[in-house]
C-alpha atoms as a PDB file:
ATOM      1  CA  MET A   1       0.000   0.000   0.000  1.00  0.00           C
ATOM      2  CA  THR A   2       2.714   2.476   0.763  1.00  0.00           C
ATOM      3  CA  GLY A   3       4.187   1.725  -2.650  1.00  0.00           C
ATOM      4  CA  ASP A   4       0.917   2.757  -4.324  1.00  0.00           C
ATOM      5  CA  ARG A   5       0.833   5.981  -2.386  1.00  0.00           C
ATOM      6  CA  ASP A   6       4.422   6.778  -3.342  1.00  0.00           C
ATOM      7  CA  ARG A   7       3.717   6.243  -7.032  1.00  0.00           C
ATOM      8  CA  ARG A   8       0.651   8.466  -6.966  1.00  0.00           C
ATOM      9  CA  GLY A   9       2.611  11.135  -5.173  1.00  0.00           C
ATOM     10  CA  GLY A  10       5.275  10.919  -7.841  1.00  0.00           C
ATOM     11  CA  GLN A  11       2.706  11.396 -10.591  1.00  0.00           C
ATOM     12  CA  ALA A  12       1.147  14.342  -8.783  1.00  0.00           C
ATOM     13  CA  GLY A  13       4.602  15.799  -8.256  1.00  0.00           C
ATOM     14  CA  ALA A  14       5.325  15.423 -11.965  1.00  0.00           C
ATOM     15  CA  ARG A  15       2.088  17.234 -12.816  1.00  0.00           C
ATOM     16  CA  VAL A  16       2.972  20.039 -10.431  1.00  0.00           C
ATOM     17  CA  LYS A  17       6.426  20.248 -11.969  1.00  0.00           C
ATOM     18  CA  ASP A  18       4.931  20.303 -15.491  1.00  0.00           C
ATOM     19  CA  SER A  19       2.470  23.067 -14.601  1.00  0.00           C
ATOM     20  CA  ARG A  20       5.294  25.049 -13.000  1.00  0.00           C
ATOM     21  CA  GLN A  21       7.394  24.618 -16.136  1.00  0.00           C
ATOM     22  CA  ASP A  22       4.455  25.800 -18.264  1.00  0.00           C
ATOM     23  CA  ARG A  23       3.950  28.869 -16.065  1.00  0.00           C
ATOM     24  CA  LEU A  24       7.655  29.702 -16.186  1.00  0.00           C
ATOM     25  CA  LYS A  25       7.755  29.235 -19.958  1.00  0.00           C
ATOM     26  CA  LEU A  26       4.757  31.554 -20.383  1.00  0.00           C
ATOM     27  CA  ALA A  27       6.257  34.160 -18.041  1.00  0.00           C
ATOM     28  CA  LEU A  28       9.560  34.114 -19.932  1.00  0.00           C
ATOM     29  CA  ARG A  29       7.776  34.481 -23.269  1.00  0.00           C
ATOM     30  CA  GLU A  30       5.741  37.452 -21.979  1.00  0.00           C
ATOM     31  CA  ASN A  31       8.891  39.022 -20.520  1.00  0.00           C
ATOM     32  CA  LEU A  32      10.671  38.683 -23.862  1.00  0.00           C
ATOM     33  CA  LYS A  33       7.738  40.298 -25.708  1.00  0.00           C
ATOM     34  CA  ARG A  34       7.721  43.192 -23.228  1.00  0.00           C
ATOM     35  CA  ARG A  35      11.480  43.723 -23.517  1.00  0.00           C
ATOM     36  CA  LYS A  36      11.333  43.683 -27.327  1.00  0.00           C
ATOM     37  CA  SER A  37       8.511  46.219 -27.266  1.00  0.00           C
ATOM     38  CA  GLN A  38      10.490  48.472 -24.923  1.00  0.00           C
ATOM     39  CA  ALA A  39      13.568  48.204 -27.145  1.00  0.00           C
ATOM     40  CA  ARG A  40      11.515  49.150 -30.217  1.00  0.00           C
ATOM     41  CA  GLY A  41      10.165  52.148 -28.302  1.00  0.00           C
ATOM     42  CA  ARG A  42      13.669  53.248 -27.373  1.00  0.00           C
ATOM     43  CA  ASP A  43      14.808  52.875 -30.992  1.00  0.00           C
ATOM     44  CA  ASP A  44      11.871  54.976 -32.214  1.00  0.00           C
ATOM     45  CA  ALA A  45      12.605  57.694 -29.654  1.00  0.00           C
ATOM     46  CA  ALA A  46      16.320  57.706 -30.492  1.00  0.00           C
ATOM     47  CA  SER A  47      15.666  57.975 -34.223  1.00  0.00           C
ATOM     48  CA  SER A  48      13.494  61.069 -33.747  1.00  0.00           C
ATOM     49  CA  GLU A  49      16.149  62.872 -31.687  1.00  0.00           C
ATOM     50  CA  LEU A  50      18.247  65.559 -33.403  1.00  0.00           C
ATOM     51  CA  PRO A  51      22.041  65.811 -32.911  1.00  0.00           C
ATOM     52  CA  ASP A  52      21.621  68.754 -30.510  1.00  0.00           C
ATOM     53  CA  GLY A  53      19.454  66.586 -28.226  1.00  0.00           C
ATOM     54  CA  SER A  54      16.146  68.209 -29.127  1.00  0.00           C
ATOM     55  CA  LEU A  55      13.304  66.126 -30.467  1.00  0.00           C
ATOM     56  CA  ASP A  56      12.385  66.227 -34.134  1.00  0.00           C
ATOM     57  CA  ASP A  57       8.714  67.121 -34.208  1.00  0.00           C
ATOM     58  CA  GLY A  58       8.609  67.189 -38.007  1.00  0.00           C
ATOM     59  CA  SER A  59       7.527  70.831 -38.181  1.00  0.00           C
ATOM     60  CA  LEU A  60      10.430  72.306 -40.140  1.00  0.00           C
ATOM     61  CA  ASP A  61       9.082  74.999 -42.436  1.00  0.00           C
ATOM     62  CA  ASP A  62      11.580  75.156 -45.278  1.00  0.00           C
ATOM     63  CA  ALA A  63      14.715  73.476 -46.554  1.00  0.00           C
ATOM     64  CA  GLY A  64      16.850  75.915 -44.542  1.00  0.00           C
ATOM     65  CA  GLY A  65      15.726  74.212 -41.352  1.00  0.00           C
ATOM     66  CA  ASN A  66      13.887  77.210 -39.924  1.00  0.00           C
ATOM     67  CA  LYS A  67      10.965  76.396 -37.703  1.00  0.00           C
ATOM     68  CA  PRO A  68       7.701  78.199 -38.379  1.00  0.00           C
ATOM     69  CA  GLY A  69       7.159  81.369 -36.337  1.00  0.00           C
ATOM     70  CA  ARG A  70      10.837  82.005 -35.671  1.00  0.00           C
END
């Protein structure tokens, strides 16, 4: 009888281990997606920055680089 109980416990332990592995796998996948999204956001922000550190808002008026109203 104790042998039966041990085997059932082993199967339950394996199921717990499998569910834990599944949860960890899902958490790692979500973490990777979040980190990739953050990296893309940083790349977008860096590409819109001008050499002087100001942000490029796309409102340059003419080819000379003068902003409207200045």
